[in-house]
Amino acid sequence: MRELLFAAALANLLLTWPAHTLAADAIAADKSAGSRIFKAANCVACHKWTGQGGGGYGGAAANLRQTKLDKDQIVETVRCGHPGGGGMPYFQEDAYRDGSCYGGVKASDLDAKTMPAAAEHFLARGEIDAVADYVISHFKGKGEPTFEECRGFFGAATHLCDTYPKAGDTADASGHDGDDPPPRRGLKIEAAPDAKTKGAGQ
């Protein structure tokens, strides 16, 4: 009897377990989730595939390669956007209902000019965490974009990445490899057309 009660209780727990918790666990286990969500949520429109930001429809987006934010701060930025007209939309649908943004800020504390725009597609908390992890692992503290990063984002079938340097490629702008001395070139000196050659006309 006790075993039957335990089984019934366990079944009830599984049936009533929050769906978003199960979804968050599945997202966390998916190593490619951050990249997929970064694309699907159209983060790439403003921050670009490189994470370097620049001009976008929302204004000048932050350079994620230079960000000093930690994961919690990145999560809050994605959840809550930038109040005050910063251009960054908020991706958590109820972000400004319960005062969970920026120390208790609610929609009633903001006006039309300071309330950030809502994202076109809202994200679940697990998706926001995945994007934050992606920013930290793929952008934060990185140098210039590389060929390998480009191929990883777009896939191996694109030629868009051919302009980016490959790993181990040390060729400089002059075309020679930095590990080898530049080729020696002879210096050709020509006399001006009206120069007199020694002994000429004598």
C-alpha atoms as a PDB file:
ATOM      1  CA  MET A   1       0.000   0.000   0.000  1.00  0.00           C
ATOM      2  CA  ARG A   2       2.789   2.371   0.942  1.00  0.00           C
ATOM      3  CA  GLU A   3       4.489   1.692  -2.393  1.00  0.00           C
ATOM      4  CA  LEU A   4       1.266   2.478  -4.264  1.00  0.00           C
ATOM      5  CA  LEU A   5       0.870   5.772  -2.401  1.00  0.00           C
ATOM      6  CA  PHE A   6       4.480   6.668  -3.130  1.00  0.00           C
ATOM      7  CA  ALA A   7       4.054   5.882  -6.830  1.00  0.00           C
ATOM      8  CA  ALA A   8       0.868   7.951  -6.994  1.00  0.00           C
ATOM      9  CA  ALA A   9       2.563  10.872  -5.261  1.00  0.00           C
ATOM     10  CA  LEU A  10       5.532  10.674  -7.628  1.00  0.00           C
ATOM     11  CA  ALA A  11       3.261  10.564 -10.677  1.00  0.00           C
ATOM     12  CA  ASN A  12       1.366  13.588  -9.398  1.00  0.00           C
ATOM     13  CA  LEU A  13       4.626  15.459  -8.841  1.00  0.00           C
ATOM     14  CA  LEU A  14       5.795  14.764 -12.364  1.00  0.00           C
ATOM     15  CA  LEU A  15       2.473  15.817 -13.840  1.00  0.00           C
ATOM     16  CA  THR A  16       2.427  19.083 -11.907  1.00  0.00           C
ATOM     17  CA  TRP A  17       6.142  19.916 -12.298  1.00  0.00           C
ATOM     18  CA  PRO A  18       6.427  23.340 -13.951  1.00  0.00           C
ATOM     19  CA  ALA A  19       6.805  22.984 -17.698  1.00  0.00           C
ATOM     20  CA  HIS A  20       9.225  25.910 -17.855  1.00  0.00           C
ATOM     21  CA  THR A  21      11.548  24.102 -15.404  1.00  0.00           C
ATOM     22  CA  LEU A  22      11.679  21.044 -17.644  1.00  0.00           C
ATOM     23  CA  ALA A  23      12.234  23.272 -20.668  1.00  0.00           C
ATOM     24  CA  ALA A  24      15.026  25.167 -18.893  1.00  0.00           C
ATOM     25  CA  ASP A  25      16.805  21.885 -18.108  1.00  0.00           C
ATOM     26  CA  ALA A  26      16.526  20.785 -21.748  1.00  0.00           C
ATOM     27  CA  ILE A  27      17.911  24.120 -22.952  1.00  0.00           C
ATOM     28  CA  ALA A  28      20.789  23.974 -20.474  1.00  0.00           C
ATOM     29  CA  ALA A  29      21.719  20.515 -21.777  1.00  0.00           C
ATOM     30  CA  ASP A  30      21.720  21.734 -25.387  1.00  0.00           C
ATOM     31  CA  LYS A  31      25.177  23.144 -26.101  1.00  0.00           C
ATOM     32  CA  SER A  32      23.998  24.843 -29.303  1.00  0.00           C
ATOM     33  CA  ALA A  33      20.956  26.504 -27.713  1.00  0.00           C
ATOM     34  CA  GLY A  34      22.658  29.858 -27.143  1.00  0.00           C
ATOM     35  CA  SER A  35      23.676  30.228 -30.766  1.00  0.00           C
ATOM     36  CA  ARG A  36      20.249  29.211 -32.049  1.00  0.00           C
ATOM     37  CA  ILE A  37      18.443  31.610 -29.729  1.00  0.00           C
ATOM     38  CA  PHE A  38      20.875  34.432 -30.535  1.00  0.00           C
ATOM     39  CA  LYS A  39      19.822  34.014 -34.171  1.00  0.00           C
ATOM     40  CA  ALA A  40      16.121  33.323 -33.608  1.00  0.00           C
ATOM     41  CA  ALA A  41      15.666  36.282 -31.247  1.00  0.00           C
ATOM     42  CA  ASN A  42      17.347  38.472 -33.879  1.00  0.00           C
ATOM     43  CA  CYS A  43      20.118  39.614 -31.530  1.00  0.00           C
ATOM     44  CA  VAL A  44      22.293  39.434 -34.621  1.00  0.00           C
ATOM     45  CA  ALA A  45      20.446  42.378 -36.219  1.00  0.00           C
ATOM     46  CA  CYS A  46      22.056  44.849 -33.841  1.00  0.00           C
ATOM     47  CA  HIS A  47      24.987  43.027 -32.264  1.00  0.00           C
ATOM     48  CA  LYS A  48      25.992  41.353 -35.570  1.00  0.00           C
ATOM     49  CA  TRP A  49      27.229  37.780 -35.788  1.00  0.00           C
ATOM     50  CA  THR A  50      30.579  38.984 -34.460  1.00  0.00           C
ATOM     51  CA  GLY A  51      29.061  40.478 -31.303  1.00  0.00           C
ATOM     52  CA  GLN A  52      30.798  43.744 -32.118  1.00  0.00           C
ATOM     53  CA  GLY A  53      27.562  45.680 -32.389  1.00  0.00           C
ATOM     54  CA  GLY A  54      27.521  49.055 -34.054  1.00  0.00           C
ATOM     55  CA  GLY A  55      24.654  50.528 -36.000  1.00  0.00           C
ATOM     56  CA  GLY A  56      21.324  48.724 -35.983  1.00  0.00           C
ATOM     57  CA  TYR A  57      17.644  49.530 -36.202  1.00  0.00           C
ATOM     58  CA  GLY A  58      17.642  50.108 -32.435  1.00  0.00           C
ATOM     59  CA  GLY A  59      20.667  52.390 -32.436  1.00  0.00           C
ATOM     60  CA  ALA A  60      24.323  51.701 -31.704  1.00  0.00           C
ATOM     61  CA  ALA A  61      24.403  48.257 -30.069  1.00  0.00           C
ATOM     62  CA  ALA A  62      27.013  47.372 -27.459  1.00  0.00           C
ATOM     63  CA  ASN A  63      30.211  45.585 -28.448  1.00  0.00           C
ATOM     64  CA  LEU A  64      29.809  42.276 -26.631  1.00  0.00           C
ATOM     65  CA  ARG A  65      33.481  41.455 -27.121  1.00  0.00           C
ATOM     66  CA  GLN A  66      34.357  44.395 -24.916  1.00  0.00           C
ATOM     67  CA  THR A  67      31.628  43.997 -22.306  1.00  0.00           C
ATOM     68  CA  LYS A  68      32.601  44.077 -18.628  1.00  0.00           C
ATOM     69  CA  LEU A  69      29.278  42.607 -17.476  1.00  0.00           C
ATOM     70  CA  ASP A  70      29.160  39.283 -15.647  1.00  0.00           C
ATOM     71  CA  LYS A  71      26.541  36.633 -16.394  1.00  0.00           C
ATOM     72  CA  ASP A  72      23.962  37.942 -13.913  1.00  0.00           C
ATOM     73  CA  GLN A  73      24.258  41.433 -15.361  1.00  0.00           C
ATOM     74  CA  ILE A  74      23.954  40.124 -18.915  1.00  0.00           C
ATOM     75  CA  VAL A  75      20.862  38.141 -17.924  1.00  0.00           C
ATOM     76  CA  GLU A  76      19.296  41.252 -16.395  1.00  0.00           C
ATOM     77  CA  THR A  77      20.101  43.306 -19.491  1.00  0.00           C
ATOM     78  CA  VAL A  78      18.469  40.732 -21.766  1.00  0.00           C
ATOM     79  CA  ARG A  79      15.481  40.347 -19.450  1.00  0.00           C
ATOM     80  CA  CYS A  80      14.924  44.050 -18.850  1.00  0.00           C
ATOM     81  CA  GLY A  81      16.465  45.901 -21.782  1.00  0.00           C
ATOM     82  CA  HIS A  82      17.819  49.413 -21.313  1.00  0.00           C
ATOM     83  CA  PRO A  83      15.463  51.943 -19.722  1.00  0.00           C
ATOM     84  CA  GLY A  84      15.918  55.523 -20.815  1.00  0.00           C
ATOM     85  CA  GLY A  85      15.936  55.043 -24.552  1.00  0.00           C
ATOM     86  CA  GLY A  86      19.080  52.933 -24.835  1.00  0.00           C
ATOM     87  CA  GLY A  87      17.662  50.869 -27.706  1.00  0.00           C
ATOM     88  CA  MET A  88      18.018  47.444 -26.097  1.00  0.00           C
ATOM     89  CA  PRO A  89      14.519  45.834 -25.854  1.00  0.00           C
ATOM     90  CA  TYR A  90      13.393  43.661 -22.969  1.00  0.00           C
ATOM     91  CA  PHE A  91      12.918  39.955 -23.670  1.00  0.00           C
ATOM     92  CA  GLN A  92      11.073  38.819 -20.539  1.00  0.00           C
ATOM     93  CA  GLU A  93       7.384  39.441 -21.031  1.00  0.00           C
ATOM     94  CA  ASP A  94       6.583  40.308 -17.406  1.00  0.00           C
ATOM     95  CA  ALA A  95       9.910  41.993 -16.638  1.00  0.00           C
ATOM     96  CA  TYR A  96       8.402  45.271 -15.495  1.00  0.00           C
ATOM     97  CA  ARG A  97       5.364  43.868 -13.698  1.00  0.00           C
ATOM     98  CA  ASP A  98       6.935  42.535 -10.523  1.00  0.00           C
ATOM     99  CA  GLY A  99       9.820  44.933  -9.911  1.00  0.00           C
ATOM    100  CA  SER A 100      12.521  42.382 -10.727  1.00  0.00           C
ATOM    101  CA  CYS A 101      14.443  44.791 -12.971  1.00  0.00           C
ATOM    102  CA  TYR A 102      17.228  47.094 -11.806  1.00  0.00           C
ATOM    103  CA  GLY A 103      16.439  47.111  -8.120  1.00  0.00           C
ATOM    104  CA  GLY A 104      12.659  47.239  -8.297  1.00  0.00           C
ATOM    105  CA  VAL A 105      11.832  49.333 -11.372  1.00  0.00           C
ATOM    106  CA  LYS A 106       8.278  48.754 -12.654  1.00  0.00           C
ATOM    107  CA  ALA A 107       6.448  49.931 -15.744  1.00  0.00           C
ATOM    108  CA  SER A 108       4.621  52.498 -13.587  1.00  0.00           C
ATOM    109  CA  ASP A 109       7.978  54.124 -12.781  1.00  0.00           C
ATOM    110  CA  LEU A 110       8.723  54.779 -16.446  1.00  0.00           C
ATOM    111  CA  ASP A 111       7.125  56.852 -19.169  1.00  0.00           C
ATOM    112  CA  ALA A 112       6.927  56.480 -22.933  1.00  0.00           C
ATOM    113  CA  LYS A 113      10.441  57.887 -23.375  1.00  0.00           C
ATOM    114  CA  THR A 114      12.197  55.846 -20.701  1.00  0.00           C
ATOM    115  CA  MET A 115      10.355  52.526 -21.037  1.00  0.00           C
ATOM    116  CA  PRO A 116      12.432  50.168 -23.193  1.00  0.00           C
ATOM    117  CA  ALA A 117      10.765  48.620 -26.214  1.00  0.00           C
ATOM    118  CA  ALA A 118       9.383  45.120 -25.998  1.00  0.00           C
ATOM    119  CA  ALA A 119      11.137  42.476 -28.071  1.00  0.00           C
ATOM    120  CA  GLU A 120       9.293  41.046 -31.058  1.00  0.00           C
ATOM    121  CA  HIS A 121       9.540  37.592 -29.506  1.00  0.00           C
ATOM    122  CA  PHE A 122       9.827  37.074 -25.758  1.00  0.00           C
ATOM    123  CA  LEU A 123      12.177  34.487 -24.295  1.00  0.00           C
ATOM    124  CA  ALA A 124      11.801  32.047 -21.419  1.00  0.00           C
ATOM    125  CA  ARG A 125      14.255  32.307 -18.537  1.00  0.00           C
ATOM    126  CA  GLY A 126      16.163  29.238 -19.696  1.00  0.00           C
ATOM    127  CA  GLU A 127      16.566  30.776 -23.144  1.00  0.00           C
ATOM    128  CA  ILE A 128      17.847  34.016 -21.630  1.00  0.00           C
ATOM    129  CA  ASP A 129      20.387  32.066 -19.572  1.00  0.00           C
ATOM    130  CA  ALA A 130      21.511  30.240 -22.720  1.00  0.00           C
ATOM    131  CA  VAL A 131      22.036  33.532 -24.566  1.00  0.00           C
ATOM    132  CA  ALA A 132      24.018  34.934 -21.632  1.00  0.00           C
ATOM    133  CA  ASP A 133      26.232  31.831 -21.611  1.00  0.00           C
ATOM    134  CA  TYR A 134      26.721  32.207 -25.362  1.00  0.00           C
ATOM    135  CA  VAL A 135      27.793  35.843 -24.988  1.00  0.00           C
ATOM    136  CA  ILE A 136      30.338  34.912 -22.327  1.00  0.00           C
ATOM    137  CA  SER A 137      31.757  31.880 -24.140  1.00  0.00           C
ATOM    138  CA  HIS A 138      31.796  33.259 -27.685  1.00  0.00           C
ATOM    139  CA  PHE A 139      32.216  37.027 -27.389  1.00  0.00           C
ATOM    140  CA  LYS A 140      33.354  38.420 -24.044  1.00  0.00           C
ATOM    141  CA  GLY A 141      37.076  39.098 -23.959  1.00  0.00           C
ATOM    142  CA  LYS A 142      37.659  37.838 -27.487  1.00  0.00           C
ATOM    143  CA  GLY A 143      39.834  39.627 -30.001  1.00  0.00           C
ATOM    144  CA  GLU A 144      38.975  40.275 -33.621  1.00  0.00           C
ATOM    145  CA  PRO A 145      36.560  37.826 -35.312  1.00  0.00           C
ATOM    146  CA  THR A 146      38.181  34.859 -37.026  1.00  0.00           C
ATOM    147  CA  PHE A 147      37.442  32.606 -39.971  1.00  0.00           C
ATOM    148  CA  GLU A 148      36.704  29.719 -37.614  1.00  0.00           C
ATOM    149  CA  GLU A 149      34.194  31.762 -35.607  1.00  0.00           C
ATOM    150  CA  CYS A 150      32.483  32.861 -38.799  1.00  0.00           C
ATOM    151  CA  ARG A 151      32.215  29.307 -40.109  1.00  0.00           C
ATOM    152  CA  GLY A 152      30.913  28.175 -36.742  1.00  0.00           C
ATOM    153  CA  PHE A 153      28.116  30.743 -36.908  1.00  0.00           C
ATOM    154  CA  PHE A 154      27.095  30.471 -40.567  1.00  0.00           C
ATOM    155  CA  GLY A 155      28.186  26.952 -41.415  1.00  0.00           C
ATOM    156  CA  ALA A 156      30.859  25.587 -43.728  1.00  0.00           C
ATOM    157  CA  ALA A 157      28.936  26.253 -46.942  1.00  0.00           C
ATOM    158  CA  THR A 158      29.348  30.046 -47.009  1.00  0.00           C
ATOM    159  CA  HIS A 159      32.049  32.194 -48.579  1.00  0.00           C
ATOM    160  CA  LEU A 160      31.174  35.122 -46.327  1.00  0.00           C
ATOM    161  CA  CYS A 161      33.948  34.060 -43.991  1.00  0.00           C
ATOM    162  CA  ASP A 162      36.788  34.123 -46.499  1.00  0.00           C
ATOM    163  CA  THR A 163      37.772  37.675 -45.556  1.00  0.00           C
ATOM    164  CA  TYR A 164      38.492  36.741 -41.933  1.00  0.00           C
ATOM    165  CA  PRO A 165      41.911  35.476 -40.773  1.00  0.00           C
ATOM    166  CA  LYS A 166      42.342  31.777 -40.172  1.00  0.00           C
ATOM    167  CA  ALA A 167      43.919  30.295 -37.058  1.00  0.00           C
ATOM    168  CA  GLY A 168      47.688  30.299 -37.460  1.00  0.00           C
ATOM    169  CA  ASP A 169      47.543  32.678 -40.396  1.00  0.00           C
ATOM    170  CA  THR A 170      50.193  35.312 -39.693  1.00  0.00           C
ATOM    171  CA  ALA A 171      50.393  36.834 -43.153  1.00  0.00           C
ATOM    172  CA  ASP A 172      50.493  40.617 -42.938  1.00  0.00           C
ATOM    173  CA  ALA A 173      49.103  43.196 -45.329  1.00  0.00           C
ATOM    174  CA  SER A 174      52.179  42.935 -47.597  1.00  0.00           C
ATOM    175  CA  GLY A 175      51.353  39.293 -48.250  1.00  0.00           C
ATOM    176  CA  HIS A 176      54.300  37.568 -46.586  1.00  0.00           C
ATOM    177  CA  ASP A 177      54.171  35.331 -43.558  1.00  0.00           C
ATOM    178  CA  GLY A 178      55.291  37.011 -40.370  1.00  0.00           C
ATOM    179  CA  ASP A 179      57.323  33.918 -39.371  1.00  0.00           C
ATOM    180  CA  ASP A 180      59.608  34.251 -42.410  1.00  0.00           C
ATOM    181  CA  PRO A 181      61.665  37.232 -43.556  1.00  0.00           C
ATOM    182  CA  PRO A 182      60.162  39.176 -46.445  1.00  0.00           C
ATOM    183  CA  PRO A 183      61.550  38.273 -49.886  1.00  0.00           C
ATOM    184  CA  ARG A 184      64.533  40.329 -51.051  1.00  0.00           C
ATOM    185  CA  ARG A 185      63.807  42.535 -53.972  1.00  0.00           C
ATOM    186  CA  GLY A 186      66.426  44.199 -56.167  1.00  0.00           C
ATOM    187  CA  LEU A 187      66.247  47.963 -56.347  1.00  0.00           C
ATOM    188  CA  LYS A 188      66.249  49.060 -59.961  1.00  0.00           C
ATOM    189  CA  ILE A 189      67.753  52.519 -60.466  1.00  0.00           C
ATOM    190  CA  GLU A 190      67.266  54.242 -63.770  1.00  0.00           C
ATOM    191  CA  ALA A 191      68.925  57.449 -64.937  1.00  0.00           C
ATOM    192  CA  ALA A 192      66.748  60.374 -65.789  1.00  0.00           C
ATOM    193  CA  PRO A 193      66.112  60.675 -69.533  1.00  0.00           C
ATOM    194  CA  ASP A 194      68.323  63.776 -69.840  1.00  0.00           C
ATOM    195  CA  ALA A 195      71.180  62.462 -67.742  1.00  0.00           C
ATOM    196  CA  LYS A 196      74.542  62.445 -69.490  1.00  0.00           C
ATOM    197  CA  THR A 197      76.524  59.261 -69.476  1.00  0.00           C
ATOM    198  CA  LYS A 198      80.186  59.739 -68.577  1.00  0.00           C
ATOM    199  CA  GLY A 199      82.217  60.104 -71.730  1.00  0.00           C
ATOM    200  CA  ALA A 200      79.232  60.632 -73.982  1.00  0.00           C
ATOM    201  CA  GLY A 201      79.747  63.236 -76.665  1.00  0.00           C
ATOM    202  CA  GLN A 202      83.471  63.359 -76.066  1.00  0.00           C
END
